[in-house]
Amino acid sequence: MTSPSTTPPTLYTIAEVAALLKVSAKTVRRWIEAGELIAHRLGHQFRITESDLTAFIRQRREA
């Protein structure tokens, strides 16, 4: 019996998100602290999933 292959979600660092959105890392941190952008803390670092980033961008476009 084979188990279904599950691929881990794509995770971005704050610096990668900042580069993708052409804003500063500080701006991304502010969005995280304000609860506008969902981030997951892994150790001492934040990671943002691709789906959370996509949802954030979609929400910003509608506003």
C-alpha atoms as a PDB file:
ATOM      1  CA  MET A   1       0.000   0.000   0.000  1.00  0.00           C
ATOM      2  CA  THR A   2       1.398   3.404  -0.899  1.00  0.00           C
ATOM      3  CA  SER A   3       0.764   6.481   1.152  1.00  0.00           C
ATOM      4  CA  PRO A   4      -0.366   9.645  -0.575  1.00  0.00           C
ATOM      5  CA  SER A   5       2.539  11.941  -1.243  1.00  0.00           C
ATOM      6  CA  THR A   6       2.233  15.155   0.644  1.00  0.00           C
ATOM      7  CA  THR A   7       4.437  18.047  -0.222  1.00  0.00           C
ATOM      8  CA  PRO A   8       5.270  20.493   2.519  1.00  0.00           C
ATOM      9  CA  PRO A   9       3.936  24.012   2.028  1.00  0.00           C
ATOM     10  CA  THR A  10       6.236  26.612   0.524  1.00  0.00           C
ATOM     11  CA  LEU A  11       7.568  28.791   3.337  1.00  0.00           C
ATOM     12  CA  TYR A  12       8.956  32.284   2.860  1.00  0.00           C
ATOM     13  CA  THR A  13      11.140  34.316   5.190  1.00  0.00           C
ATOM     14  CA  ILE A  14      10.311  37.911   6.036  1.00  0.00           C
ATOM     15  CA  ALA A  15      13.112  39.052   3.720  1.00  0.00           C
ATOM     16  CA  GLU A  16      11.742  36.959   0.839  1.00  0.00           C
ATOM     17  CA  VAL A  17       8.218  38.337   1.320  1.00  0.00           C
ATOM     18  CA  ALA A  18       9.612  41.873   1.480  1.00  0.00           C
ATOM     19  CA  ALA A  19      11.496  41.329  -1.790  1.00  0.00           C
ATOM     20  CA  LEU A  20       8.453  39.807  -3.511  1.00  0.00           C
ATOM     21  CA  LEU A  21       6.198  42.691  -2.478  1.00  0.00           C
ATOM     22  CA  LYS A  22       8.906  45.352  -2.914  1.00  0.00           C
ATOM     23  CA  VAL A  23       8.565  46.680   0.646  1.00  0.00           C
ATOM     24  CA  SER A  24      10.947  46.719   3.583  1.00  0.00           C
ATOM     25  CA  ALA A  25      11.304  43.837   6.026  1.00  0.00           C
ATOM     26  CA  LYS A  26      10.120  46.231   8.732  1.00  0.00           C
ATOM     27  CA  THR A  27       6.831  46.723   6.874  1.00  0.00           C
ATOM     28  CA  VAL A  28       6.315  42.951   6.704  1.00  0.00           C
ATOM     29  CA  ARG A  29       7.028  42.704  10.452  1.00  0.00           C
ATOM     30  CA  ARG A  30       4.446  45.435  11.116  1.00  0.00           C
ATOM     31  CA  TRP A  31       1.835  43.522   9.113  1.00  0.00           C
ATOM     32  CA  ILE A  32       2.615  40.395  11.148  1.00  0.00           C
ATOM     33  CA  GLU A  33       2.462  42.248  14.478  1.00  0.00           C
ATOM     34  CA  ALA A  34      -0.846  43.881  13.459  1.00  0.00           C
ATOM     35  CA  GLY A  35      -2.300  40.482  12.591  1.00  0.00           C
ATOM     36  CA  GLU A  36      -2.790  41.429   8.951  1.00  0.00           C
ATOM     37  CA  LEU A  37      -0.332  38.811   7.637  1.00  0.00           C
ATOM     38  CA  ILE A  38      -0.332  35.339   9.156  1.00  0.00           C
ATOM     39  CA  ALA A  39       3.133  34.072  10.025  1.00  0.00           C
ATOM     40  CA  HIS A  40       4.312  30.961  11.808  1.00  0.00           C
ATOM     41  CA  ARG A  41       7.124  31.127  14.312  1.00  0.00           C
ATOM     42  CA  LEU A  42       9.689  28.368  13.868  1.00  0.00           C
ATOM     43  CA  GLY A  43      12.275  28.728  16.581  1.00  0.00           C
ATOM     44  CA  HIS A  44      13.298  32.375  16.572  1.00  0.00           C
ATOM     45  CA  GLN A  45      12.263  32.996  12.983  1.00  0.00           C
ATOM     46  CA  PHE A  46       9.001  33.755  11.232  1.00  0.00           C
ATOM     47  CA  ARG A  47       7.870  31.890   8.137  1.00  0.00           C
ATOM     48  CA  ILE A  48       4.952  32.795   5.892  1.00  0.00           C
ATOM     49  CA  THR A  49       3.225  30.104   3.845  1.00  0.00           C
ATOM     50  CA  GLU A  50       2.518  30.691   0.193  1.00  0.00           C
ATOM     51  CA  SER A  51      -1.217  30.302   0.799  1.00  0.00           C
ATOM     52  CA  ASP A  52      -1.176  32.887   3.623  1.00  0.00           C
ATOM     53  CA  LEU A  53       0.756  35.309   1.421  1.00  0.00           C
ATOM     54  CA  THR A  54      -1.673  34.781  -1.457  1.00  0.00           C
ATOM     55  CA  ALA A  55      -4.647  35.379   0.867  1.00  0.00           C
ATOM     56  CA  PHE A  56      -2.998  38.547   2.203  1.00  0.00           C
ATOM     57  CA  ILE A  57      -2.419  39.890  -1.311  1.00  0.00           C
ATOM     58  CA  ARG A  58      -5.975  39.020  -2.360  1.00  0.00           C
ATOM     59  CA  GLN A  59      -7.375  40.789   0.727  1.00  0.00           C
ATOM     60  CA  ARG A  60      -5.279  43.887  -0.005  1.00  0.00           C
ATOM     61  CA  ARG A  61      -6.500  44.033  -3.603  1.00  0.00           C
ATOM     62  CA  GLU A  62     -10.128  44.017  -2.477  1.00  0.00           C
ATOM     63  CA  ALA A  63      -9.632  46.788   0.085  1.00  0.00           C
END
